[in-house]
Amino acid sequence: MAQELRAKERAAADRRKRTQKIVITVLVLAAVAVVTVGIILTSTSIGKKSSASSESVASASASSAGTAAGTSASSGASSSSEKTLDTTEGTVVEAGDTINLDYVGSVDGVEFEGGSTQGQGADLTLGSGTYIDGFEEAVEGHKVGENFDINVTFPENYGNSDLAGKDAVFNITINGVYK
């Protein structure tokens, strides 16, 4: 009889532990869902203001090992949210213009992690010096709607040793210029 009572108590304790684990798991999943929704809403809000999300090489890489193309996708474009994106094809972009562009970077023909805007666009003020040397200058003089490649070299002291000193090709599309 005492053994049956102890067995029932152990079974009840096991059920409580399983229930606690389930509750904790559900709470963790709910927290992750809330954070994910918050990120999505924030990204959507930012995208609406600037006509494109600013998730890009610059923001993706800056947090880990410096930036593939620069140090901040939006640092040179703080006023772009107050302006409208002119997507008139053929408009030539010049130093000082804040533009929205997409790009995909590759080294030795292989795309590298954090080297793409993934079609989300990135804002850049040409001449701001936020991207690696030669990147912004190579974009100047091209036109809205144009798709082209530029060749740049990552600095030897670049924060990501896999890219430091390497030649890279960025395939670029200029989506528009802020007016």
C-alpha atoms as a PDB file:
ATOM      1  CA  MET A   1       0.000   0.000   0.000  1.00  0.00           C
ATOM      2  CA  ALA A   2       2.822   2.428   0.874  1.00  0.00           C
ATOM      3  CA  GLN A   3       4.570   1.483  -2.334  1.00  0.00           C
ATOM      4  CA  GLU A   4       1.439   2.272  -4.354  1.00  0.00           C
ATOM      5  CA  LEU A   5       1.151   5.642  -2.624  1.00  0.00           C
ATOM      6  CA  ARG A   6       4.811   6.484  -3.350  1.00  0.00           C
ATOM      7  CA  ALA A   7       4.364   5.390  -6.985  1.00  0.00           C
ATOM      8  CA  LYS A   8       1.334   7.673  -7.321  1.00  0.00           C
ATOM      9  CA  GLU A   9       3.282  10.560  -5.746  1.00  0.00           C
ATOM     10  CA  ARG A  10       6.210   9.993  -8.150  1.00  0.00           C
ATOM     11  CA  ALA A  11       3.818   9.872 -11.097  1.00  0.00           C
ATOM     12  CA  ALA A  12       2.175  13.116  -9.956  1.00  0.00           C
ATOM     13  CA  ALA A  13       5.593  14.755  -9.518  1.00  0.00           C
ATOM     14  CA  ASP A  14       6.607  13.600 -13.007  1.00  0.00           C
ATOM     15  CA  ARG A  15       3.405  15.064 -14.480  1.00  0.00           C
ATOM     16  CA  ARG A  16       4.101  18.387 -12.728  1.00  0.00           C
ATOM     17  CA  LYS A  17       7.644  18.456 -14.134  1.00  0.00           C
ATOM     18  CA  ARG A  18       6.407  17.685 -17.649  1.00  0.00           C
ATOM     19  CA  THR A  19       3.733  20.349 -17.330  1.00  0.00           C
ATOM     20  CA  GLN A  20       6.327  22.879 -16.150  1.00  0.00           C
ATOM     21  CA  LYS A  21       8.576  22.039 -19.100  1.00  0.00           C
ATOM     22  CA  ILE A  22       5.679  22.442 -21.516  1.00  0.00           C
ATOM     23  CA  VAL A  23       4.686  25.779 -19.977  1.00  0.00           C
ATOM     24  CA  ILE A  24       8.268  27.051 -20.137  1.00  0.00           C
ATOM     25  CA  THR A  25       8.584  25.925 -23.761  1.00  0.00           C
ATOM     26  CA  VAL A  26       5.327  27.624 -24.699  1.00  0.00           C
ATOM     27  CA  LEU A  27       6.413  30.832 -22.952  1.00  0.00           C
ATOM     28  CA  VAL A  28       9.769  30.821 -24.742  1.00  0.00           C
ATOM     29  CA  LEU A  29       8.089  30.221 -28.109  1.00  0.00           C
ATOM     30  CA  ALA A  30       5.595  32.995 -27.405  1.00  0.00           C
ATOM     31  CA  ALA A  31       8.432  35.385 -26.516  1.00  0.00           C
ATOM     32  CA  VAL A  32      10.269  34.507 -29.730  1.00  0.00           C
ATOM     33  CA  ALA A  33       7.075  35.055 -31.710  1.00  0.00           C
ATOM     34  CA  VAL A  34       6.518  38.464 -30.085  1.00  0.00           C
ATOM     35  CA  VAL A  35      10.099  39.533 -30.810  1.00  0.00           C
ATOM     36  CA  THR A  36       9.848  38.287 -34.402  1.00  0.00           C
ATOM     37  CA  VAL A  37       6.593  40.157 -34.978  1.00  0.00           C
ATOM     38  CA  GLY A  38       8.169  43.277 -33.469  1.00  0.00           C
ATOM     39  CA  ILE A  39      11.136  43.006 -35.826  1.00  0.00           C
ATOM     40  CA  ILE A  40       8.879  42.477 -38.813  1.00  0.00           C
ATOM     41  CA  LEU A  41       6.687  45.427 -37.880  1.00  0.00           C
ATOM     42  CA  THR A  42       9.725  47.628 -37.298  1.00  0.00           C
ATOM     43  CA  SER A  43      11.256  46.575 -40.617  1.00  0.00           C
ATOM     44  CA  THR A  44       7.963  47.154 -42.396  1.00  0.00           C
ATOM     45  CA  SER A  45       7.664  50.576 -40.798  1.00  0.00           C
ATOM     46  CA  ILE A  46      11.180  51.510 -41.848  1.00  0.00           C
ATOM     47  CA  GLY A  47      10.570  50.151 -45.332  1.00  0.00           C
ATOM     48  CA  LYS A  48       7.435  52.254 -45.750  1.00  0.00           C
ATOM     49  CA  LYS A  49       9.272  55.420 -44.747  1.00  0.00           C
ATOM     50  CA  SER A  50      12.167  54.908 -47.133  1.00  0.00           C
ATOM     51  CA  SER A  51      10.392  52.896 -49.829  1.00  0.00           C
ATOM     52  CA  ALA A  52      12.736  50.000 -49.074  1.00  0.00           C
ATOM     53  CA  SER A  53      14.008  48.069 -46.128  1.00  0.00           C
ATOM     54  CA  SER A  54      17.531  48.890 -45.084  1.00  0.00           C
ATOM     55  CA  GLU A  55      18.593  45.356 -44.379  1.00  0.00           C
ATOM     56  CA  SER A  56      21.745  45.089 -46.398  1.00  0.00           C
ATOM     57  CA  VAL A  57      25.364  44.177 -46.521  1.00  0.00           C
ATOM     58  CA  ALA A  58      26.148  47.211 -44.492  1.00  0.00           C
ATOM     59  CA  SER A  59      23.803  46.479 -41.626  1.00  0.00           C
ATOM     60  CA  ALA A  60      24.151  42.715 -41.728  1.00  0.00           C
ATOM     61  CA  SER A  61      27.923  42.702 -41.666  1.00  0.00           C
ATOM     62  CA  ALA A  62      28.533  45.694 -39.427  1.00  0.00           C
ATOM     63  CA  SER A  63      27.519  43.839 -36.307  1.00  0.00           C
ATOM     64  CA  SER A  64      29.886  40.923 -36.808  1.00  0.00           C
ATOM     65  CA  ALA A  65      32.997  41.749 -38.752  1.00  0.00           C
ATOM     66  CA  GLY A  66      32.762  45.196 -40.178  1.00  0.00           C
ATOM     67  CA  THR A  67      30.850  45.743 -43.367  1.00  0.00           C
ATOM     68  CA  ALA A  68      31.152  44.088 -46.712  1.00  0.00           C
ATOM     69  CA  ALA A  69      30.397  47.270 -48.561  1.00  0.00           C
ATOM     70  CA  GLY A  70      30.399  49.774 -45.719  1.00  0.00           C
ATOM     71  CA  THR A  71      29.809  50.507 -42.082  1.00  0.00           C
ATOM     72  CA  SER A  72      26.141  51.441 -42.068  1.00  0.00           C
ATOM     73  CA  ALA A  73      23.451  51.117 -44.670  1.00  0.00           C
ATOM     74  CA  SER A  74      21.518  54.054 -43.348  1.00  0.00           C
ATOM     75  CA  SER A  75      24.209  56.271 -41.849  1.00  0.00           C
ATOM     76  CA  GLY A  76      24.495  58.387 -44.956  1.00  0.00           C
ATOM     77  CA  ALA A  77      20.762  58.456 -45.580  1.00  0.00           C
ATOM     78  CA  SER A  78      19.125  59.748 -42.444  1.00  0.00           C
ATOM     79  CA  SER A  79      17.078  62.313 -44.316  1.00  0.00           C
ATOM     80  CA  SER A  80      15.811  59.859 -46.945  1.00  0.00           C
ATOM     81  CA  SER A  81      12.708  59.070 -44.899  1.00  0.00           C
ATOM     82  CA  GLU A  82      11.614  62.697 -45.324  1.00  0.00           C
ATOM     83  CA  LYS A  83      12.134  62.613 -49.086  1.00  0.00           C
ATOM     84  CA  THR A  84      10.514  60.606 -51.828  1.00  0.00           C
ATOM     85  CA  LEU A  85      12.302  58.027 -53.920  1.00  0.00           C
ATOM     86  CA  ASP A  86      12.415  59.102 -57.571  1.00  0.00           C
ATOM     87  CA  THR A  87      12.519  55.943 -59.667  1.00  0.00           C
ATOM     88  CA  THR A  88      12.601  57.712 -63.027  1.00  0.00           C
ATOM     89  CA  GLU A  89      14.830  55.496 -65.132  1.00  0.00           C
ATOM     90  CA  GLY A  90      17.826  57.188 -66.689  1.00  0.00           C
ATOM     91  CA  THR A  91      18.368  59.702 -63.880  1.00  0.00           C
ATOM     92  CA  VAL A  92      22.134  59.940 -63.344  1.00  0.00           C
ATOM     93  CA  VAL A  93      23.293  59.640 -59.723  1.00  0.00           C
ATOM     94  CA  GLU A  94      26.056  61.930 -58.476  1.00  0.00           C
ATOM     95  CA  ALA A  95      28.181  62.465 -55.386  1.00  0.00           C
ATOM     96  CA  GLY A  96      25.987  63.803 -52.601  1.00  0.00           C
ATOM     97  CA  ASP A  97      22.853  62.028 -53.849  1.00  0.00           C
ATOM     98  CA  THR A  98      21.112  59.657 -51.482  1.00  0.00           C
ATOM     99  CA  ILE A  99      20.126  56.607 -53.450  1.00  0.00           C
ATOM    100  CA  ASN A 100      18.464  53.263 -52.901  1.00  0.00           C
ATOM    101  CA  LEU A 101      20.256  50.315 -54.446  1.00  0.00           C
ATOM    102  CA  ASP A 102      20.357  46.548 -54.442  1.00  0.00           C
ATOM    103  CA  TYR A 103      23.577  44.593 -54.711  1.00  0.00           C
ATOM    104  CA  VAL A 104      25.031  41.122 -54.519  1.00  0.00           C
ATOM    105  CA  GLY A 105      28.713  40.745 -53.731  1.00  0.00           C
ATOM    106  CA  SER A 106      30.924  37.837 -54.673  1.00  0.00           C
ATOM    107  CA  VAL A 107      34.539  36.847 -54.237  1.00  0.00           C
ATOM    108  CA  ASP A 108      36.006  34.419 -56.771  1.00  0.00           C
ATOM    109  CA  GLY A 109      32.510  34.007 -58.217  1.00  0.00           C
ATOM    110  CA  VAL A 110      30.981  32.937 -54.897  1.00  0.00           C
ATOM    111  CA  GLU A 111      28.477  35.127 -53.062  1.00  0.00           C
ATOM    112  CA  PHE A 112      29.592  35.814 -49.500  1.00  0.00           C
ATOM    113  CA  GLU A 113      27.510  35.959 -46.351  1.00  0.00           C
ATOM    114  CA  GLY A 114      26.189  39.435 -45.632  1.00  0.00           C
ATOM    115  CA  GLY A 115      27.136  40.645 -49.112  1.00  0.00           C
ATOM    116  CA  SER A 116      23.640  41.133 -50.471  1.00  0.00           C
ATOM    117  CA  THR A 117      20.647  43.370 -49.910  1.00  0.00           C
ATOM    118  CA  GLN A 118      18.554  40.299 -50.781  1.00  0.00           C
ATOM    119  CA  GLY A 119      16.327  42.492 -52.911  1.00  0.00           C
ATOM    120  CA  GLN A 120      15.386  44.627 -49.920  1.00  0.00           C
ATOM    121  CA  GLY A 121      17.344  47.691 -51.033  1.00  0.00           C
ATOM    122  CA  ALA A 122      19.777  49.827 -49.085  1.00  0.00           C
ATOM    123  CA  ASP A 123      20.032  53.589 -48.781  1.00  0.00           C
ATOM    124  CA  LEU A 124      23.421  55.165 -49.433  1.00  0.00           C
ATOM    125  CA  THR A 125      24.584  58.751 -49.688  1.00  0.00           C
ATOM    126  CA  LEU A 126      27.251  58.797 -52.382  1.00  0.00           C
ATOM    127  CA  GLY A 127      30.438  60.370 -51.093  1.00  0.00           C
ATOM    128  CA  SER A 128      29.626  59.627 -47.435  1.00  0.00           C
ATOM    129  CA  GLY A 129      32.517  57.167 -47.129  1.00  0.00           C
ATOM    130  CA  THR A 130      30.351  54.558 -45.427  1.00  0.00           C
ATOM    131  CA  TYR A 131      31.183  51.755 -47.867  1.00  0.00           C
ATOM    132  CA  ILE A 132      34.600  50.316 -48.678  1.00  0.00           C
ATOM    133  CA  ASP A 133      36.972  52.430 -50.741  1.00  0.00           C
ATOM    134  CA  GLY A 134      36.002  52.629 -54.375  1.00  0.00           C
ATOM    135  CA  PHE A 135      32.429  51.360 -53.936  1.00  0.00           C
ATOM    136  CA  GLU A 136      30.623  54.688 -53.863  1.00  0.00           C
ATOM    137  CA  GLU A 137      32.814  56.263 -56.531  1.00  0.00           C
ATOM    138  CA  ALA A 138      32.136  53.315 -58.850  1.00  0.00           C
ATOM    139  CA  VAL A 139      28.375  53.843 -58.467  1.00  0.00           C
ATOM    140  CA  GLU A 140      28.534  57.568 -59.286  1.00  0.00           C
ATOM    141  CA  GLY A 141      27.574  58.416 -62.855  1.00  0.00           C
ATOM    142  CA  HIS A 142      25.332  55.369 -63.286  1.00  0.00           C
ATOM    143  CA  LYS A 143      21.596  55.694 -63.838  1.00  0.00           C
ATOM    144  CA  VAL A 144      18.427  54.768 -61.985  1.00  0.00           C
ATOM    145  CA  GLY A 145      17.214  51.403 -63.282  1.00  0.00           C
ATOM    146  CA  GLU A 146      20.684  50.435 -64.467  1.00  0.00           C
ATOM    147  CA  ASN A 147      22.198  47.073 -63.548  1.00  0.00           C
ATOM    148  CA  PHE A 148      26.003  46.879 -63.604  1.00  0.00           C
ATOM    149  CA  ASP A 149      29.022  45.307 -61.940  1.00  0.00           C
ATOM    150  CA  ILE A 150      31.746  47.094 -60.019  1.00  0.00           C
ATOM    151  CA  ASN A 151      35.093  45.710 -58.910  1.00  0.00           C
ATOM    152  CA  VAL A 152      36.486  46.661 -55.518  1.00  0.00           C
ATOM    153  CA  THR A 153      39.110  45.314 -53.142  1.00  0.00           C
ATOM    154  CA  PHE A 154      38.513  44.822 -49.452  1.00  0.00           C
ATOM    155  CA  PRO A 155      41.154  46.523 -47.287  1.00  0.00           C
ATOM    156  CA  GLU A 156      43.916  44.299 -45.906  1.00  0.00           C
ATOM    157  CA  ASN A 157      42.866  45.243 -42.358  1.00  0.00           C
ATOM    158  CA  TYR A 158      39.182  44.503 -43.031  1.00  0.00           C
ATOM    159  CA  GLY A 159      37.357  43.107 -39.983  1.00  0.00           C
ATOM    160  CA  ASN A 160      36.322  39.883 -41.710  1.00  0.00           C
ATOM    161  CA  SER A 161      39.526  37.934 -42.387  1.00  0.00           C
ATOM    162  CA  ASP A 162      37.771  35.834 -45.053  1.00  0.00           C
ATOM    163  CA  LEU A 163      37.307  39.025 -47.114  1.00  0.00           C
ATOM    164  CA  ALA A 164      40.366  41.073 -46.102  1.00  0.00           C
ATOM    165  CA  GLY A 165      42.493  41.954 -49.110  1.00  0.00           C
ATOM    166  CA  LYS A 166      40.220  40.092 -51.527  1.00  0.00           C
ATOM    167  CA  ASP A 167      38.946  41.391 -54.840  1.00  0.00           C
ATOM    168  CA  ALA A 168      35.164  41.440 -55.007  1.00  0.00           C
ATOM    169  CA  VAL A 169      32.539  42.016 -57.649  1.00  0.00           C
ATOM    170  CA  PHE A 170      29.269  43.678 -56.704  1.00  0.00           C
ATOM    171  CA  ASN A 171      26.340  43.391 -59.082  1.00  0.00           C
ATOM    172  CA  ILE A 172      24.355  46.578 -58.498  1.00  0.00           C
ATOM    173  CA  THR A 173      20.941  47.877 -59.462  1.00  0.00           C
ATOM    174  CA  ILE A 174      20.091  51.497 -58.677  1.00  0.00           C
ATOM    175  CA  ASN A 175      16.443  51.588 -57.596  1.00  0.00           C
ATOM    176  CA  GLY A 176      16.081  55.338 -57.265  1.00  0.00           C
ATOM    177  CA  VAL A 177      17.407  58.635 -55.947  1.00  0.00           C
ATOM    178  CA  TYR A 178      15.806  60.567 -53.102  1.00  0.00           C
ATOM    179  CA  LYS A 179      14.484  64.014 -53.971  1.00  0.00           C
END
